[in-house]
Amino acid sequence: MTSKKNIKSIFESILFVWGEPLDVKIAADLFDMHWKEAYDCFKELQQEYEVQDRGIRIREIDKSFQLCTKEENNVYIERLCTPVKEKRLSQSALEVLAIIAYKQPVTKGEIESIRGIKCDRVIEGLMKKDLIIETGRSAAIGRPILYGTTKEFLRYFGFTSMKELPDIDDIESIIREQEPNHLDFQQIAIEFEKN
């Protein structure tokens, strides 16, 4: 039988090699253990990194774990690495993403009724960026596709789970701090209530 210390050591190695968020259930299956037991090992490992104030951290993303750097060290990492220009999401992409995040699962028709304009290309772009996925089909006439956010959405915005999504009342001030051309999320909230 493998000791808890060895299991945590193996999980640490796996996280390093895996790169992407590793689902707890996949890790648990390696040892034929219950997912909750594996989850507790990851949480202990995460705590050990934080207590030791290590430059590497373990972050949780929707019952998955991933190695990442300590946030305070990012300025030095950026100095070392050649800056890669990251293309920001367009205003329309942010609007559609906000609607999907707060109303999911949601159909393209519902998104378009809130925005008042077509969004085929925006949805296609968000899917290519792996920020949204098809989550099934609605029971409505024509059985339209339902959309929802992905783990990549959580990673991109730095959330552990959808529970961390700001309240619709708080989001406008958050966006104003981050984006010079902010969305009118209050208007989106009003449209949600109408529909």
C-alpha atoms as a PDB file:
ATOM      1  CA  MET A   1       0.000   0.000   0.000  1.00  0.00           C
ATOM      2  CA  THR A   2       1.297   3.441  -0.944  1.00  0.00           C
ATOM      3  CA  SER A   3       1.720   5.951   1.882  1.00  0.00           C
ATOM      4  CA  LYS A   4      -0.032   9.311   1.840  1.00  0.00           C
ATOM      5  CA  LYS A   5       3.367  11.024   1.587  1.00  0.00           C
ATOM      6  CA  ASN A   6       4.214   8.987  -1.531  1.00  0.00           C
ATOM      7  CA  ILE A   7       0.793   9.660  -3.058  1.00  0.00           C
ATOM      8  CA  LYS A   8       1.286  13.407  -2.607  1.00  0.00           C
ATOM      9  CA  SER A   9       4.768  13.126  -4.134  1.00  0.00           C
ATOM     10  CA  ILE A  10       3.338  11.277  -7.138  1.00  0.00           C
ATOM     11  CA  PHE A  11       0.521  13.821  -7.496  1.00  0.00           C
ATOM     12  CA  GLU A  12       3.127  16.598  -7.471  1.00  0.00           C
ATOM     13  CA  SER A  13       5.098  14.882 -10.273  1.00  0.00           C
ATOM     14  CA  ILE A  14       1.938  14.260 -12.272  1.00  0.00           C
ATOM     15  CA  LEU A  15       0.883  17.904 -11.984  1.00  0.00           C
ATOM     16  CA  PHE A  16       4.293  18.995 -13.230  1.00  0.00           C
ATOM     17  CA  VAL A  17       4.166  16.721 -16.279  1.00  0.00           C
ATOM     18  CA  TRP A  18       0.439  17.129 -17.008  1.00  0.00           C
ATOM     19  CA  GLY A  19       0.507  20.931 -17.340  1.00  0.00           C
ATOM     20  CA  GLU A  20      -3.254  21.295 -17.722  1.00  0.00           C
ATOM     21  CA  PRO A  21      -5.701  21.156 -14.788  1.00  0.00           C
ATOM     22  CA  LEU A  22      -5.826  17.513 -13.617  1.00  0.00           C
ATOM     23  CA  ASP A  23      -9.231  16.203 -12.609  1.00  0.00           C
ATOM     24  CA  VAL A  24      -9.223  14.718  -9.103  1.00  0.00           C
ATOM     25  CA  LYS A  25     -11.178  11.643 -10.253  1.00  0.00           C
ATOM     26  CA  ILE A  26      -8.490  10.800 -12.844  1.00  0.00           C
ATOM     27  CA  ALA A  27      -5.777  11.098 -10.181  1.00  0.00           C
ATOM     28  CA  ALA A  28      -7.839   9.019  -7.724  1.00  0.00           C
ATOM     29  CA  ASP A  29      -8.242   6.243 -10.311  1.00  0.00           C
ATOM     30  CA  LEU A  30      -4.451   5.830 -10.443  1.00  0.00           C
ATOM     31  CA  PHE A  31      -4.543   4.567  -6.849  1.00  0.00           C
ATOM     32  CA  ASP A  32      -8.048   3.038  -6.840  1.00  0.00           C
ATOM     33  CA  MET A  33      -8.982   5.505  -4.121  1.00  0.00           C
ATOM     34  CA  HIS A  34     -12.123   7.557  -3.543  1.00  0.00           C
ATOM     35  CA  TRP A  35     -11.984  10.968  -5.238  1.00  0.00           C
ATOM     36  CA  LYS A  36     -12.498  12.722  -1.865  1.00  0.00           C
ATOM     37  CA  GLU A  37      -9.358  11.082  -0.479  1.00  0.00           C
ATOM     38  CA  ALA A  38      -7.379  12.246  -3.536  1.00  0.00           C
ATOM     39  CA  TYR A  39      -8.926  15.711  -3.216  1.00  0.00           C
ATOM     40  CA  ASP A  40      -7.741  15.918   0.412  1.00  0.00           C
ATOM     41  CA  CYS A  41      -4.200  14.962  -0.679  1.00  0.00           C
ATOM     42  CA  PHE A  42      -4.197  17.744  -3.273  1.00  0.00           C
ATOM     43  CA  LYS A  43      -5.493  20.250  -0.700  1.00  0.00           C
ATOM     44  CA  GLU A  44      -2.751  19.231   1.763  1.00  0.00           C
ATOM     45  CA  LEU A  45      -0.129  19.588  -0.965  1.00  0.00           C
ATOM     46  CA  GLN A  46      -1.585  22.980  -1.893  1.00  0.00           C
ATOM     47  CA  GLN A  47      -1.377  24.067   1.768  1.00  0.00           C
ATOM     48  CA  GLU A  48       2.229  22.872   2.068  1.00  0.00           C
ATOM     49  CA  TYR A  49       3.260  25.040  -0.896  1.00  0.00           C
ATOM     50  CA  GLU A  50       1.551  28.077   0.637  1.00  0.00           C
ATOM     51  CA  VAL A  51       2.942  27.551   4.165  1.00  0.00           C
ATOM     52  CA  GLN A  52       6.481  27.211   2.762  1.00  0.00           C
ATOM     53  CA  ASP A  53       5.886  30.357   0.640  1.00  0.00           C
ATOM     54  CA  ARG A  54       7.139  28.540  -2.464  1.00  0.00           C
ATOM     55  CA  GLY A  55       7.462  30.179  -5.885  1.00  0.00           C
ATOM     56  CA  ILE A  56       5.186  27.495  -7.297  1.00  0.00           C
ATOM     57  CA  ARG A  57       1.597  27.129  -6.154  1.00  0.00           C
ATOM     58  CA  ILE A  58      -1.124  24.568  -6.715  1.00  0.00           C
ATOM     59  CA  ARG A  59      -4.431  26.059  -7.722  1.00  0.00           C
ATOM     60  CA  GLU A  60      -7.842  24.452  -7.802  1.00  0.00           C
ATOM     61  CA  ILE A  61     -10.098  24.827 -10.805  1.00  0.00           C
ATOM     62  CA  ASP A  62     -13.482  23.116 -10.474  1.00  0.00           C
ATOM     63  CA  LYS A  63     -12.266  19.931  -8.672  1.00  0.00           C
ATOM     64  CA  SER A  64      -9.087  19.881 -10.791  1.00  0.00           C
ATOM     65  CA  PHE A  65      -5.607  21.006  -9.790  1.00  0.00           C
ATOM     66  CA  GLN A  66      -2.745  22.659 -11.680  1.00  0.00           C
ATOM     67  CA  LEU A  67       0.727  23.969 -10.905  1.00  0.00           C
ATOM     68  CA  CYS A  68       1.152  27.717 -11.354  1.00  0.00           C
ATOM     69  CA  THR A  69       3.567  30.432 -10.287  1.00  0.00           C
ATOM     70  CA  LYS A  70       3.191  32.608  -7.203  1.00  0.00           C
ATOM     71  CA  GLU A  71       1.291  35.701  -8.310  1.00  0.00           C
ATOM     72  CA  GLU A  72       3.728  38.132  -6.678  1.00  0.00           C
ATOM     73  CA  ASN A  73       6.556  36.720  -8.823  1.00  0.00           C
ATOM     74  CA  ASN A  74       4.845  37.463 -12.131  1.00  0.00           C
ATOM     75  CA  VAL A  75       6.690  40.747 -12.687  1.00  0.00           C
ATOM     76  CA  TYR A  76      10.036  38.890 -12.699  1.00  0.00           C
ATOM     77  CA  ILE A  77       8.704  36.142 -14.952  1.00  0.00           C
ATOM     78  CA  GLU A  78       7.510  38.814 -17.398  1.00  0.00           C
ATOM     79  CA  ARG A  79      10.962  40.456 -17.327  1.00  0.00           C
ATOM     80  CA  LEU A  80      12.617  37.137 -18.132  1.00  0.00           C
ATOM     81  CA  CYS A  81      10.247  35.996 -20.853  1.00  0.00           C
ATOM     82  CA  THR A  82       9.925  37.736 -24.188  1.00  0.00           C
ATOM     83  CA  PRO A  83       6.577  39.487 -24.027  1.00  0.00           C
ATOM     84  CA  VAL A  84       4.022  37.745 -26.149  1.00  0.00           C
ATOM     85  CA  LYS A  85       1.205  40.034 -27.179  1.00  0.00           C
ATOM     86  CA  GLU A  86      -1.976  38.460 -25.897  1.00  0.00           C
ATOM     87  CA  LYS A  87      -4.983  39.374 -27.939  1.00  0.00           C
ATOM     88  CA  ARG A  88      -7.729  40.632 -25.668  1.00  0.00           C
ATOM     89  CA  LEU A  89     -11.320  39.622 -26.138  1.00  0.00           C
ATOM     90  CA  SER A  90     -13.383  42.055 -28.177  1.00  0.00           C
ATOM     91  CA  GLN A  91     -16.240  44.013 -26.645  1.00  0.00           C
ATOM     92  CA  SER A  92     -18.816  41.789 -28.362  1.00  0.00           C
ATOM     93  CA  ALA A  93     -16.978  38.625 -27.214  1.00  0.00           C
ATOM     94  CA  LEU A  94     -17.007  39.887 -23.608  1.00  0.00           C
ATOM     95  CA  GLU A  95     -20.733  40.641 -23.861  1.00  0.00           C
ATOM     96  CA  VAL A  96     -21.586  37.197 -25.218  1.00  0.00           C
ATOM     97  CA  LEU A  97     -19.291  35.526 -22.676  1.00  0.00           C
ATOM     98  CA  ALA A  98     -20.939  37.447 -19.818  1.00  0.00           C
ATOM     99  CA  ILE A  99     -24.397  36.405 -20.991  1.00  0.00           C
ATOM    100  CA  ILE A 100     -23.347  32.755 -21.267  1.00  0.00           C
ATOM    101  CA  ALA A 101     -21.574  32.797 -17.888  1.00  0.00           C
ATOM    102  CA  TYR A 102     -24.539  34.261 -16.014  1.00  0.00           C
ATOM    103  CA  LYS A 103     -27.393  32.554 -17.878  1.00  0.00           C
ATOM    104  CA  GLN A 104     -25.940  29.147 -18.826  1.00  0.00           C
ATOM    105  CA  PRO A 105     -27.060  26.884 -20.296  1.00  0.00           C
ATOM    106  CA  VAL A 106     -28.286  29.335 -22.914  1.00  0.00           C
ATOM    107  CA  THR A 107     -29.186  29.168 -26.604  1.00  0.00           C
ATOM    108  CA  LYS A 108     -27.841  31.427 -29.352  1.00  0.00           C
ATOM    109  CA  GLY A 109     -31.369  32.800 -29.787  1.00  0.00           C
ATOM    110  CA  GLU A 110     -31.530  33.835 -26.125  1.00  0.00           C
ATOM    111  CA  ILE A 111     -28.116  35.516 -26.383  1.00  0.00           C
ATOM    112  CA  GLU A 112     -29.194  37.374 -29.520  1.00  0.00           C
ATOM    113  CA  SER A 113     -32.464  38.509 -27.923  1.00  0.00           C
ATOM    114  CA  ILE A 114     -30.497  40.026 -25.018  1.00  0.00           C
ATOM    115  CA  ARG A 115     -27.870  41.687 -27.243  1.00  0.00           C
ATOM    116  CA  GLY A 116     -30.240  42.587 -30.073  1.00  0.00           C
ATOM    117  CA  ILE A 117     -27.789  41.450 -32.778  1.00  0.00           C
ATOM    118  CA  LYS A 118     -26.510  38.218 -34.338  1.00  0.00           C
ATOM    119  CA  CYS A 119     -23.644  36.469 -32.572  1.00  0.00           C
ATOM    120  CA  ASP A 120     -22.703  33.460 -34.769  1.00  0.00           C
ATOM    121  CA  ARG A 121     -19.110  34.575 -35.365  1.00  0.00           C
ATOM    122  CA  VAL A 122     -18.578  35.613 -31.753  1.00  0.00           C
ATOM    123  CA  ILE A 123     -19.769  32.218 -30.488  1.00  0.00           C
ATOM    124  CA  GLU A 124     -17.534  30.497 -33.034  1.00  0.00           C
ATOM    125  CA  GLY A 125     -14.540  32.554 -31.830  1.00  0.00           C
ATOM    126  CA  LEU A 126     -15.242  31.819 -28.156  1.00  0.00           C
ATOM    127  CA  MET A 127     -15.475  28.108 -28.955  1.00  0.00           C
ATOM    128  CA  LYS A 128     -12.135  28.223 -30.806  1.00  0.00           C
ATOM    129  CA  LYS A 129     -10.587  29.826 -27.711  1.00  0.00           C
ATOM    130  CA  ASP A 130     -12.148  26.997 -25.635  1.00  0.00           C
ATOM    131  CA  LEU A 131     -13.971  29.492 -23.396  1.00  0.00           C
ATOM    132  CA  ILE A 132     -17.417  28.036 -24.185  1.00  0.00           C
ATOM    133  CA  ILE A 133     -18.748  24.637 -25.273  1.00  0.00           C
ATOM    134  CA  GLU A 134     -21.969  23.082 -26.471  1.00  0.00           C
ATOM    135  CA  THR A 135     -23.643  21.592 -23.392  1.00  0.00           C
ATOM    136  CA  GLY A 136     -26.596  19.908 -25.086  1.00  0.00           C
ATOM    137  CA  ARG A 137     -29.855  20.780 -26.800  1.00  0.00           C
ATOM    138  CA  SER A 138     -32.837  22.752 -25.583  1.00  0.00           C
ATOM    139  CA  ALA A 139     -36.291  21.145 -25.481  1.00  0.00           C
ATOM    140  CA  ALA A 140     -37.626  24.190 -27.391  1.00  0.00           C
ATOM    141  CA  ILE A 141     -38.824  23.992 -31.007  1.00  0.00           C
ATOM    142  CA  GLY A 142     -35.949  23.111 -33.320  1.00  0.00           C
ATOM    143  CA  ARG A 143     -33.900  21.820 -30.363  1.00  0.00           C
ATOM    144  CA  PRO A 144     -31.331  24.658 -30.460  1.00  0.00           C
ATOM    145  CA  ILE A 145     -27.830  24.133 -29.080  1.00  0.00           C
ATOM    146  CA  LEU A 146     -27.190  25.155 -25.468  1.00  0.00           C
ATOM    147  CA  TYR A 147     -23.902  26.853 -24.554  1.00  0.00           C
ATOM    148  CA  GLY A 148     -21.971  27.011 -21.295  1.00  0.00           C
ATOM    149  CA  THR A 149     -18.534  28.022 -20.056  1.00  0.00           C
ATOM    150  CA  THR A 150     -15.503  25.732 -19.778  1.00  0.00           C
ATOM    151  CA  LYS A 151     -12.685  25.081 -17.312  1.00  0.00           C
ATOM    152  CA  GLU A 152     -10.559  27.226 -19.638  1.00  0.00           C
ATOM    153  CA  PHE A 153     -12.994  30.090 -18.918  1.00  0.00           C
ATOM    154  CA  LEU A 154     -12.335  29.617 -15.189  1.00  0.00           C
ATOM    155  CA  ARG A 155      -8.566  29.491 -15.779  1.00  0.00           C
ATOM    156  CA  TYR A 156      -8.585  32.516 -18.116  1.00  0.00           C
ATOM    157  CA  PHE A 157     -10.397  34.698 -15.580  1.00  0.00           C
ATOM    158  CA  GLY A 158      -8.662  33.219 -12.504  1.00  0.00           C
ATOM    159  CA  PHE A 159     -11.731  31.611 -10.899  1.00  0.00           C
ATOM    160  CA  THR A 160     -11.687  28.380  -8.890  1.00  0.00           C
ATOM    161  CA  SER A 161     -15.362  27.732  -9.629  1.00  0.00           C
ATOM    162  CA  MET A 162     -18.424  29.500 -11.032  1.00  0.00           C
ATOM    163  CA  LYS A 163     -19.355  30.439  -7.443  1.00  0.00           C
ATOM    164  CA  GLU A 164     -16.570  33.052  -7.601  1.00  0.00           C
ATOM    165  CA  LEU A 165     -18.236  34.847 -10.516  1.00  0.00           C
ATOM    166  CA  PRO A 166     -18.960  38.400  -9.291  1.00  0.00           C
ATOM    167  CA  ASP A 167     -22.550  39.292  -8.488  1.00  0.00           C
ATOM    168  CA  ILE A 168     -24.178  40.997 -11.433  1.00  0.00           C
ATOM    169  CA  ASP A 169     -24.450  44.166  -9.280  1.00  0.00           C
ATOM    170  CA  ASP A 170     -20.665  44.275  -8.673  1.00  0.00           C
ATOM    171  CA  ILE A 171     -19.449  43.419 -12.152  1.00  0.00           C
ATOM    172  CA  GLU A 172     -19.685  46.860 -13.747  1.00  0.00           C
ATOM    173  CA  SER A 173     -17.124  48.360 -11.335  1.00  0.00           C
ATOM    174  CA  ILE A 174     -14.800  45.370 -11.833  1.00  0.00           C
ATOM    175  CA  ILE A 175     -14.927  45.720 -15.608  1.00  0.00           C
ATOM    176  CA  ARG A 176     -14.335  49.481 -15.414  1.00  0.00           C
ATOM    177  CA  GLU A 177     -11.128  48.787 -13.467  1.00  0.00           C
ATOM    178  CA  GLN A 178      -9.909  46.257 -16.050  1.00  0.00           C
ATOM    179  CA  GLU A 179     -11.204  47.535 -19.382  1.00  0.00           C
ATOM    180  CA  PRO A 180     -11.280  51.130 -20.624  1.00  0.00           C
ATOM    181  CA  ASN A 181     -14.256  50.324 -22.888  1.00  0.00           C
ATOM    182  CA  HIS A 182     -16.360  48.564 -20.257  1.00  0.00           C
ATOM    183  CA  LEU A 183     -19.555  46.626 -20.769  1.00  0.00           C
ATOM    184  CA  ASP A 184     -22.811  47.878 -19.384  1.00  0.00           C
ATOM    185  CA  PHE A 185     -23.463  44.789 -17.257  1.00  0.00           C
ATOM    186  CA  GLN A 186     -26.278  46.575 -15.460  1.00  0.00           C
ATOM    187  CA  GLN A 187     -28.090  46.722 -18.811  1.00  0.00           C
ATOM    188  CA  ILE A 188     -27.409  43.008 -19.345  1.00  0.00           C
ATOM    189  CA  ALA A 189     -28.868  42.310 -15.870  1.00  0.00           C
ATOM    190  CA  ILE A 190     -31.994  44.281 -16.761  1.00  0.00           C
ATOM    191  CA  GLU A 191     -32.337  42.305 -20.002  1.00  0.00           C
ATOM    192  CA  PHE A 192     -31.937  39.021 -18.038  1.00  0.00           C
ATOM    193  CA  GLU A 193     -34.863  39.997 -15.839  1.00  0.00           C
ATOM    194  CA  LYS A 194     -37.030  40.799 -18.882  1.00  0.00           C
ATOM    195  CA  ASN A 195     -36.401  37.408 -20.518  1.00  0.00           C
END
